[in-house]
Amino acid sequence: MNDNDENLGQNTIVHGYKSRQNRQIRENTKLEPPPPPEDDLKNTMPLSRKALVDNLQVKKKAYLEIHGIEDEPIGVELGRSDCIIGRTSDNDLQVPLDDVSRQHARIFCRKEEYYIEDLGSTNGTFVNGISVVKCVLRNNDQIEIGDAKIIFVEVETRSG
């Protein structure tokens, strides 16, 4: 027996293999399968994504991002009540530009949808470049009232 044969009985690596002793232990050891899951799991219940999502309340918030009045855009959160837009200070949203009528347009919410309605203005109300009398607003619609550009932004949030 040479020196290499004596070392094979110990935990040494020879040519990429572990020693005979470790190989023999692996061959004689049987792994036990994991225990089966318990049938009556008292603290858990099956959940599906649909069940979770269906129980969440969806809340919509709407904002107007107004460009063309000041250097920076102005953000205004819309509520559920009507918002009158016009040139004079007695409006809910004042747009002090000469080409905006005193009471130019109205934004209102009905059945979870926002609408814009022109109030007989001189220069009209435009949504995405189209002259409107009344129409539903969708997220990122671009409203033009005079030289003011207004972006309608609608955000949905879910809460449980």
C-alpha atoms as a PDB file:
ATOM      1  CA  MET A   1       0.000   0.000   0.000  1.00  0.00           C
ATOM      2  CA  ASN A   2       1.486   3.351  -0.930  1.00  0.00           C
ATOM      3  CA  ASP A   3       0.904   6.762   0.654  1.00  0.00           C
ATOM      4  CA  ASN A   4      -1.951   7.537  -1.763  1.00  0.00           C
ATOM      5  CA  ASP A   5      -3.805   4.340  -0.787  1.00  0.00           C
ATOM      6  CA  GLU A   6      -3.546   5.200   2.920  1.00  0.00           C
ATOM      7  CA  ASN A   7      -5.079   8.661   2.316  1.00  0.00           C
ATOM      8  CA  LEU A   8      -8.126   7.202   0.539  1.00  0.00           C
ATOM      9  CA  GLY A   9      -9.659   6.182   3.845  1.00  0.00           C
ATOM     10  CA  GLN A  10      -9.709   9.793   5.038  1.00  0.00           C
ATOM     11  CA  ASN A  11     -11.826  12.769   3.881  1.00  0.00           C
ATOM     12  CA  THR A  12      -9.644  13.780   0.975  1.00  0.00           C
ATOM     13  CA  ILE A  13     -10.458  14.615  -2.603  1.00  0.00           C
ATOM     14  CA  VAL A  14      -8.700  12.526  -5.200  1.00  0.00           C
ATOM     15  CA  HIS A  15      -9.120  13.433  -8.869  1.00  0.00           C
ATOM     16  CA  GLY A  16     -12.408  15.279  -8.230  1.00  0.00           C
ATOM     17  CA  TYR A  17     -13.989  12.489  -6.118  1.00  0.00           C
ATOM     18  CA  LYS A  18     -14.447  12.408  -2.377  1.00  0.00           C
ATOM     19  CA  SER A  19     -12.826   9.642  -0.450  1.00  0.00           C
ATOM     20  CA  ARG A  20     -14.106   6.077  -0.450  1.00  0.00           C
ATOM     21  CA  GLN A  21     -15.392   6.578   3.069  1.00  0.00           C
ATOM     22  CA  ASN A  22     -17.682   9.472   2.011  1.00  0.00           C
ATOM     23  CA  ARG A  23     -18.887   7.576  -1.078  1.00  0.00           C
ATOM     24  CA  GLN A  24     -19.693   4.585   1.057  1.00  0.00           C
ATOM     25  CA  ILE A  25     -21.672   6.728   3.537  1.00  0.00           C
ATOM     26  CA  ARG A  26     -23.691   8.299   0.698  1.00  0.00           C
ATOM     27  CA  GLU A  27     -24.466   4.917  -0.839  1.00  0.00           C
ATOM     28  CA  ASN A  28     -25.617   3.413   2.467  1.00  0.00           C
ATOM     29  CA  THR A  29     -27.699   6.425   3.565  1.00  0.00           C
ATOM     30  CA  LYS A  30     -31.261   6.628   2.352  1.00  0.00           C
ATOM     31  CA  LEU A  31     -33.023   9.971   2.468  1.00  0.00           C
ATOM     32  CA  GLU A  32     -36.435   9.954   4.069  1.00  0.00           C
ATOM     33  CA  PRO A  33     -39.158  11.659   2.034  1.00  0.00           C
ATOM     34  CA  PRO A  34     -40.676  14.746   3.662  1.00  0.00           C
ATOM     35  CA  PRO A  35     -43.737  14.080   5.807  1.00  0.00           C
ATOM     36  CA  PRO A  36     -47.071  14.473   3.995  1.00  0.00           C
ATOM     37  CA  PRO A  37     -48.884  17.777   4.597  1.00  0.00           C
ATOM     38  CA  GLU A  38     -51.446  17.774   7.356  1.00  0.00           C
ATOM     39  CA  ASP A  39     -54.993  17.428   6.143  1.00  0.00           C
ATOM     40  CA  ASP A  40     -56.571  19.806   8.601  1.00  0.00           C
ATOM     41  CA  LEU A  41     -54.662  23.048   8.362  1.00  0.00           C
ATOM     42  CA  LYS A  42     -56.592  25.165  10.823  1.00  0.00           C
ATOM     43  CA  ASN A  43     -54.937  28.533  10.267  1.00  0.00           C
ATOM     44  CA  THR A  44     -54.963  28.660   6.486  1.00  0.00           C
ATOM     45  CA  MET A  45     -57.521  28.936   3.757  1.00  0.00           C
ATOM     46  CA  PRO A  46     -57.246  28.843  -0.005  1.00  0.00           C
ATOM     47  CA  LEU A  47     -57.123  32.284  -1.617  1.00  0.00           C
ATOM     48  CA  SER A  48     -57.326  33.250  -5.205  1.00  0.00           C
ATOM     49  CA  ARG A  49     -56.230  36.510  -6.784  1.00  0.00           C
ATOM     50  CA  LYS A  50     -59.802  37.081  -7.973  1.00  0.00           C
ATOM     51  CA  ALA A  51     -61.169  36.748  -4.434  1.00  0.00           C
ATOM     52  CA  LEU A  52     -58.648  39.256  -3.149  1.00  0.00           C
ATOM     53  CA  VAL A  53     -59.210  41.783  -5.939  1.00  0.00           C
ATOM     54  CA  ASP A  54     -63.001  41.497  -5.779  1.00  0.00           C
ATOM     55  CA  ASN A  55     -62.967  42.545  -2.118  1.00  0.00           C
ATOM     56  CA  LEU A  56     -60.927  45.685  -2.750  1.00  0.00           C
ATOM     57  CA  GLN A  57     -62.650  49.020  -3.101  1.00  0.00           C
ATOM     58  CA  VAL A  58     -61.720  51.017  -6.176  1.00  0.00           C
ATOM     59  CA  LYS A  59     -61.505  54.747  -5.624  1.00  0.00           C
ATOM     60  CA  LYS A  60     -61.069  57.196  -8.447  1.00  0.00           C
ATOM     61  CA  LYS A  61     -59.440  60.565  -8.085  1.00  0.00           C
ATOM     62  CA  ALA A  62     -59.257  63.110 -10.837  1.00  0.00           C
ATOM     63  CA  TYR A  63     -56.908  66.027 -11.327  1.00  0.00           C
ATOM     64  CA  LEU A  64     -56.455  68.865 -13.763  1.00  0.00           C
ATOM     65  CA  GLU A  65     -52.948  69.882 -14.773  1.00  0.00           C
ATOM     66  CA  ILE A  66     -53.185  73.430 -16.104  1.00  0.00           C
ATOM     67  CA  HIS A  67     -50.546  74.820 -18.476  1.00  0.00           C
ATOM     68  CA  GLY A  68     -50.332  78.331 -19.872  1.00  0.00           C
ATOM     69  CA  ILE A  69     -51.299  80.439 -16.848  1.00  0.00           C
ATOM     70  CA  GLU A  70     -47.995  80.505 -14.977  1.00  0.00           C
ATOM     71  CA  ASP A  71     -44.474  79.298 -15.731  1.00  0.00           C
ATOM     72  CA  GLU A  72     -45.055  75.989 -13.956  1.00  0.00           C
ATOM     73  CA  PRO A  73     -48.123  73.749 -14.429  1.00  0.00           C
ATOM     74  CA  ILE A  74     -50.799  74.070 -11.762  1.00  0.00           C
ATOM     75  CA  GLY A  75     -52.394  70.934 -10.317  1.00  0.00           C
ATOM     76  CA  VAL A  76     -55.983  70.939  -9.081  1.00  0.00           C
ATOM     77  CA  GLU A  77     -57.775  67.959  -7.563  1.00  0.00           C
ATOM     78  CA  LEU A  78     -61.381  67.552  -8.664  1.00  0.00           C
ATOM     79  CA  GLY A  79     -63.992  66.467  -6.183  1.00  0.00           C
ATOM     80  CA  ARG A  80     -67.439  65.053  -6.857  1.00  0.00           C
ATOM     81  CA  SER A  81     -69.064  68.496  -7.036  1.00  0.00           C
ATOM     82  CA  ASP A  82     -69.220  70.638 -10.167  1.00  0.00           C
ATOM     83  CA  CYS A  83     -66.178  72.730 -11.093  1.00  0.00           C
ATOM     84  CA  ILE A  84     -66.898  75.890 -13.087  1.00  0.00           C
ATOM     85  CA  ILE A  85     -63.947  77.164 -15.139  1.00  0.00           C
ATOM     86  CA  GLY A  86     -63.817  80.790 -16.230  1.00  0.00           C
ATOM     87  CA  ARG A  87     -61.939  84.080 -16.397  1.00  0.00           C
ATOM     88  CA  THR A  88     -63.390  85.764 -13.294  1.00  0.00           C
ATOM     89  CA  SER A  89     -62.506  85.091  -9.668  1.00  0.00           C
ATOM     90  CA  ASP A  90     -66.022  83.870  -8.741  1.00  0.00           C
ATOM     91  CA  ASN A  91     -65.396  80.578 -10.611  1.00  0.00           C
ATOM     92  CA  ASP A  92     -64.175  77.387  -8.953  1.00  0.00           C
ATOM     93  CA  LEU A  93     -61.153  77.443 -11.255  1.00  0.00           C
ATOM     94  CA  GLN A  94     -60.023  80.832 -12.503  1.00  0.00           C
ATOM     95  CA  VAL A  95     -58.175  81.001 -15.823  1.00  0.00           C
ATOM     96  CA  PRO A  96     -57.343  84.715 -16.152  1.00  0.00           C
ATOM     97  CA  LEU A  97     -56.767  84.861 -19.911  1.00  0.00           C
ATOM     98  CA  ASP A  98     -58.489  87.248 -22.337  1.00  0.00           C
ATOM     99  CA  ASP A  99     -59.739  84.472 -24.643  1.00  0.00           C
ATOM    100  CA  VAL A 100     -61.497  82.639 -21.781  1.00  0.00           C
ATOM    101  CA  SER A 101     -65.159  83.501 -21.135  1.00  0.00           C
ATOM    102  CA  ARG A 102     -66.354  84.660 -17.716  1.00  0.00           C
ATOM    103  CA  GLN A 103     -68.001  81.250 -17.222  1.00  0.00           C
ATOM    104  CA  HIS A 104     -66.431  79.094 -19.889  1.00  0.00           C
ATOM    105  CA  ALA A 105     -66.943  75.408 -19.026  1.00  0.00           C
ATOM    106  CA  ARG A 106     -68.095  73.049 -16.306  1.00  0.00           C
ATOM    107  CA  ILE A 107     -66.541  69.745 -15.237  1.00  0.00           C
ATOM    108  CA  PHE A 108     -68.819  67.421 -13.302  1.00  0.00           C
ATOM    109  CA  CYS A 109     -68.979  63.802 -12.157  1.00  0.00           C
ATOM    110  CA  ARG A 110     -71.948  61.495 -12.770  1.00  0.00           C
ATOM    111  CA  LYS A 111     -71.973  57.736 -12.176  1.00  0.00           C
ATOM    112  CA  GLU A 112     -68.185  57.545 -11.636  1.00  0.00           C
ATOM    113  CA  GLU A 113     -67.394  59.370 -14.893  1.00  0.00           C
ATOM    114  CA  TYR A 114     -66.218  62.927 -15.379  1.00  0.00           C
ATOM    115  CA  TYR A 115     -67.699  65.145 -18.078  1.00  0.00           C
ATOM    116  CA  ILE A 116     -66.887  68.563 -19.479  1.00  0.00           C
ATOM    117  CA  GLU A 117     -69.566  70.868 -20.781  1.00  0.00           C
ATOM    118  CA  ASP A 118     -69.097  74.151 -22.631  1.00  0.00           C
ATOM    119  CA  LEU A 119     -71.247  76.893 -21.077  1.00  0.00           C
ATOM    120  CA  GLY A 120     -71.846  78.831 -24.303  1.00  0.00           C
ATOM    121  CA  SER A 121     -68.358  80.322 -24.378  1.00  0.00           C
ATOM    122  CA  THR A 122     -67.246  82.684 -27.145  1.00  0.00           C
ATOM    123  CA  ASN A 123     -64.175  80.689 -28.229  1.00  0.00           C
ATOM    124  CA  GLY A 124     -65.390  77.167 -27.464  1.00  0.00           C
ATOM    125  CA  THR A 125     -64.037  74.218 -25.501  1.00  0.00           C
ATOM    126  CA  PHE A 126     -61.834  71.614 -27.179  1.00  0.00           C
ATOM    127  CA  VAL A 127     -60.975  68.078 -26.047  1.00  0.00           C
ATOM    128  CA  ASN A 128     -58.103  66.435 -27.897  1.00  0.00           C
ATOM    129  CA  GLY A 129     -58.425  69.059 -30.626  1.00  0.00           C
ATOM    130  CA  ILE A 130     -62.162  68.559 -31.206  1.00  0.00           C
ATOM    131  CA  SER A 131     -64.736  71.230 -30.372  1.00  0.00           C
ATOM    132  CA  VAL A 132     -67.220  69.851 -27.817  1.00  0.00           C
ATOM    133  CA  VAL A 133     -70.453  70.939 -26.232  1.00  0.00           C
ATOM    134  CA  LYS A 134     -70.431  68.078 -23.720  1.00  0.00           C
ATOM    135  CA  CYS A 135     -68.331  64.911 -23.533  1.00  0.00           C
ATOM    136  CA  VAL A 136     -66.926  62.249 -21.208  1.00  0.00           C
ATOM    137  CA  LEU A 137     -63.350  62.831 -20.064  1.00  0.00           C
ATOM    138  CA  ARG A 138     -60.798  60.026 -20.112  1.00  0.00           C
ATOM    139  CA  ASN A 139     -57.356  59.818 -18.550  1.00  0.00           C
ATOM    140  CA  ASN A 140     -54.825  62.113 -20.267  1.00  0.00           C
ATOM    141  CA  ASP A 141     -57.439  63.971 -22.335  1.00  0.00           C
ATOM    142  CA  GLN A 142     -56.156  67.398 -23.360  1.00  0.00           C
ATOM    143  CA  ILE A 143     -58.620  70.217 -22.850  1.00  0.00           C
ATOM    144  CA  GLU A 144     -58.147  73.605 -24.497  1.00  0.00           C
ATOM    145  CA  ILE A 145     -59.905  76.599 -23.032  1.00  0.00           C
ATOM    146  CA  GLY A 146     -58.603  79.701 -24.756  1.00  0.00           C
ATOM    147  CA  ASP A 147     -54.805  79.590 -24.702  1.00  0.00           C
ATOM    148  CA  ALA A 148     -54.805  77.405 -21.575  1.00  0.00           C
ATOM    149  CA  LYS A 149     -53.991  73.720 -22.005  1.00  0.00           C
ATOM    150  CA  ILE A 150     -55.489  71.478 -19.342  1.00  0.00           C
ATOM    151  CA  ILE A 151     -54.679  67.780 -18.974  1.00  0.00           C
ATOM    152  CA  PHE A 152     -57.299  65.607 -17.300  1.00  0.00           C
ATOM    153  CA  VAL A 153     -55.661  62.914 -15.133  1.00  0.00           C
ATOM    154  CA  GLU A 154     -57.656  60.114 -13.536  1.00  0.00           C
ATOM    155  CA  VAL A 155     -56.059  57.752 -11.010  1.00  0.00           C
ATOM    156  CA  GLU A 156     -57.587  54.560  -9.615  1.00  0.00           C
ATOM    157  CA  THR A 157     -56.522  53.279  -6.232  1.00  0.00           C
ATOM    158  CA  ARG A 158     -57.522  50.001  -4.577  1.00  0.00           C
ATOM    159  CA  SER A 159     -57.847  49.591  -0.857  1.00  0.00           C
ATOM    160  CA  GLY A 160     -59.115  46.861   1.361  1.00  0.00           C
END
